[in-house]
Protein backbone atom coordinates (compact mmCIF):
# COMPACT_ATOMS: atom_id res chain seq x y z
CA MET A 1 0.00 0.00 0.00
CA ALA A 2 1.67 3.19 -1.17
CA GLN A 3 1.77 6.20 1.14
CA LYS A 4 0.13 4.38 4.03
CA ALA A 5 1.40 6.87 6.64
CA ALA A 6 0.29 9.84 4.53
CA LYS A 7 -3.18 8.36 4.09
CA GLN A 8 -3.48 7.71 7.83
CA GLN A 9 -2.34 11.27 8.54
CA ALA A 10 -4.91 12.61 6.07
CA ALA A 11 -7.70 10.56 7.68
CA ARG A 12 -6.68 11.72 11.18
CA ASN A 13 -6.52 15.37 10.11
CA THR A 14 -9.91 15.17 8.40
CA ALA A 15 -11.50 13.70 11.53
CA ILE A 16 -9.85 16.27 13.81
CA LEU A 17 -10.92 19.19 11.62
CA LYS A 18 -14.50 17.92 11.37
CA ARG A 19 -14.70 17.50 15.15
CA THR A 20 -13.17 20.95 15.73
CA HIS A 21 -15.59 22.68 13.37
CA LEU A 22 -18.61 20.91 14.88
CA ILE A 23 -17.61 21.83 18.44
CA SER A 24 -17.00 25.44 17.44
CA LEU A 25 -20.36 25.62 15.67
CA ALA A 26 -22.16 24.06 18.63
CA ILE A 27 -20.58 26.50 21.09
CA THR A 28 -21.42 29.48 18.88
CA ILE A 29 -25.06 28.36 18.50
CA PHE A 30 -25.22 27.70 22.25
CA PHE A 31 -23.93 31.22 22.96
CA VAL A 32 -26.32 32.98 20.58
CA LEU A 33 -29.43 30.98 21.54
CA LEU A 34 -28.91 31.21 25.30
CA ARG A 35 -28.10 34.90 25.10
CA LEU A 36 -31.13 35.67 22.93
CA LEU A 37 -33.68 33.39 24.61
CA VAL A 38 -32.69 32.94 28.25
CA PHE A 39 -30.45 35.87 29.23
CA ARG A 40 -32.10 38.47 27.02
CA ALA A 41 -32.11 41.20 29.68
CA SER A 42 -28.33 41.15 30.11
CA CYS A 43 -27.61 40.77 26.40
CA THR A 44 -26.27 43.99 24.89
CA ARG A 45 -24.26 45.06 21.89
CA ALA A 46 -21.16 44.88 24.10
CA THR A 47 -21.89 41.20 24.70
CA TYR A 48 -21.64 40.41 21.02
CA LEU A 49 -18.66 42.72 20.58
CA LEU A 50 -16.81 40.92 23.38
CA TYR A 51 -17.74 37.58 21.85
CA ALA A 52 -16.46 38.62 18.42
CA LEU A 53 -13.28 40.17 19.79
CA LEU A 54 -12.34 37.37 22.17
CA SER A 55 -13.37 34.54 19.85
CA ALA A 56 -11.35 35.96 16.96
CA PRO A 57 -8.12 34.17 18.04
CA ALA A 58 -9.97 30.85 18.13
CA PHE A 59 -11.47 31.44 14.69
CA ALA A 60 -8.04 32.47 13.34
CA ILE A 61 -6.46 29.33 14.78
CA GLU A 62 -9.26 27.21 13.35
CA PHE A 63 -8.71 28.83 9.95
CA TRP A 64 -4.96 28.16 10.25
CA PHE A 65 -5.59 24.51 11.10
CA GLU A 66 -7.92 24.27 8.11
CA ARG A 67 -5.32 25.73 5.75
CA THR A 68 -2.36 23.68 6.98
CA GLY A 69 -4.02 20.45 8.10
CA ARG A 70 -6.64 19.78 5.44
CA PRO A 71 -5.54 17.01 3.04
CA VAL A 72 -5.33 17.93 -0.65
CA THR A 73 -6.41 15.42 -3.28
CA ALA A 74 -6.00 15.49 -7.04
CA SER A 75 -8.95 15.46 -9.39
CA ASN A 76 -8.60 11.69 -9.79
CA GLY A 77 -8.86 11.17 -6.02
CA GLU A 78 -5.14 10.57 -5.44
CA LEU A 79 -3.68 12.12 -2.29
CA LYS A 80 -1.39 15.02 -3.17
CA LYS A 81 -0.69 16.33 0.33
CA SER A 82 -1.73 14.86 3.67
CA GLY A 83 -1.49 18.15 5.56
CA GLU A 84 0.54 19.10 8.61
CA ASP A 85 0.24 16.99 11.72
CA LEU A 86 -2.44 18.58 13.90
CA GLU A 87 -1.30 16.54 16.90
CA ALA A 88 2.29 17.85 16.80
CA LYS A 89 4.03 19.24 19.85
CA GLY A 90 5.24 22.80 20.15
CA LEU A 91 3.36 25.66 18.55
CA THR A 92 0.50 23.46 17.36
CA ASP A 93 0.00 22.17 20.90
CA TYR A 94 -0.02 25.74 22.23
CA MET A 95 -2.59 26.74 19.60
CA TRP A 96 -4.85 23.87 20.70
CA ASP A 97 -4.54 25.15 24.28
CA ILE A 98 -5.73 28.60 23.19
CA LEU A 99 -8.60 27.07 21.23
CA TYR A 100 -9.77 24.96 24.18
CA TRP A 101 -9.45 27.88 26.61
CA THR A 102 -11.46 30.12 24.28
CA TRP A 103 -14.20 27.52 24.06
CA GLY A 104 -14.25 27.24 27.86
CA CYS A 105 -14.43 31.01 28.29
CA THR A 106 -17.24 31.21 25.73
CA VAL A 107 -19.33 28.58 27.51
CA THR A 108 -18.63 30.22 30.87
CA ALA A 109 -19.54 33.66 29.51
CA THR A 110 -22.72 32.20 28.04
CA ILE A 111 -23.85 30.92 31.42
CA LEU A 112 -22.35 33.45 33.85
CA GLY A 113 -22.33 36.65 31.82
CA ASP A 114 -19.82 39.10 30.40
CA MET A 115 -17.64 39.16 33.52
CA ALA A 116 -16.48 35.62 32.70
CA TRP A 117 -14.48 37.00 29.77
CA TRP A 118 -11.90 38.15 32.31
CA GLY A 119 -10.84 34.50 32.45
CA TYR A 120 -9.35 34.99 29.01
CA LEU A 121 -6.47 36.89 30.67
CA VAL A 122 -5.02 33.50 31.50
CA VAL A 123 -3.85 33.12 27.88
CA PRO A 124 -1.25 35.94 27.92
CA LEU A 125 -0.18 34.95 31.43
CA TYR A 126 0.30 31.37 30.25
CA SER A 127 2.31 32.67 27.27
CA VAL A 128 4.62 34.65 29.54
CA TRP A 129 5.08 31.67 31.87
CA LEU A 130 5.78 29.34 28.94
CA ALA A 131 8.35 31.73 27.45
CA TRP A 132 10.01 32.24 30.84
CA THR A 133 10.36 28.52 31.56
CA THR A 134 11.63 27.85 28.03
CA PHE A 135 14.21 30.63 28.30
CA GLY A 136 15.20 29.52 31.80
CA GLY A 137 15.71 25.95 30.62
CA MET A 138 17.88 27.13 27.72
CA ARG A 139 19.89 29.36 30.03
CA LYS A 140 20.60 26.46 32.42
CA GLY A 141 21.43 24.12 29.56
CA MET A 142 23.94 26.52 28.04
CA ALA A 143 25.66 27.45 31.31
CA GLY A 144 28.42 24.88 30.79
CA MET A 145 29.22 26.23 27.32
CA ALA A 146 30.79 29.41 28.69
CA GLY A 147 34.26 27.87 28.68
CA GLY A 148 37.07 28.51 31.12
CA GLY A 149 40.18 26.91 32.56
CA THR A 150 38.49 23.90 34.17
CA SER A 151 35.56 21.80 33.17
CA ALA A 152 32.31 21.98 35.07
CA GLY A 153 32.81 18.50 36.55
CA THR A 154 36.19 19.24 38.13
CA ALA A 155 35.18 22.65 39.37
CA ASN A 156 32.56 21.01 41.55
CA GLY A 157 34.94 18.27 42.65
CA ALA A 158 33.11 15.57 40.74
CA ILE A 159 35.63 12.91 39.73
CA SER A 160 34.59 9.54 38.38
CA ASN A 161 35.34 6.29 40.20
CA ARG A 162 37.69 5.24 37.42
CA GLN A 163 39.74 8.42 37.84
CA ASN A 164 39.89 7.91 41.63
CA LYS A 165 41.17 4.34 41.24
CA GLN A 166 43.84 5.37 38.75
CA GLU A 167 45.08 8.14 41.02
CA LYS A 168 45.18 5.80 44.06
CA ARG A 169 47.29 3.25 42.15
CA GLY A 170 49.77 5.97 41.34
CA GLY A 171 48.86 5.91 37.73
CA GLN A 172 48.72 8.86 35.49
CA LYS A 173 46.89 11.75 37.06
CA MET A 174 44.11 13.11 34.90
CA GLN A 175 44.82 16.47 33.37
CA TYR A 176 41.96 18.68 32.35
CA ARG A 177 42.18 21.26 29.65
């Protein structure tokens, strides 16, 4: 079977995109119907403006997933491109986090009112925390690359058992550059 992995990736992406679009549509319909029918007294133009403004990142991410993840087929039905992996780690994973958090804030704002949109402030705070921990991890990982007269292991007094045995036997003492 030719391109088995590509075909599996295309099937997975198609299913993920279909599920994502259906959930997004259901949440939007839920928001509009509940706001119009149940919470009509508290529903203002600002409510819909907040919804449009704070749901825009989720819609942009959904559009991005559609453009990069949707499989492309030729006119004869042959798979031309399977699309990017929508389950990849890194930026894609972060974009899914934003999408899920937006859906949660939308449902919460539907039930509790416009004040629930303040929960969306978690997204920039999460971004700052993620950048800080990534930068901190890189900084710690590159600390030994600064160079110097002694290596990091000998500066802390860490000598291997093999080196200790050789030095006890009077063998050649290890020299570090």
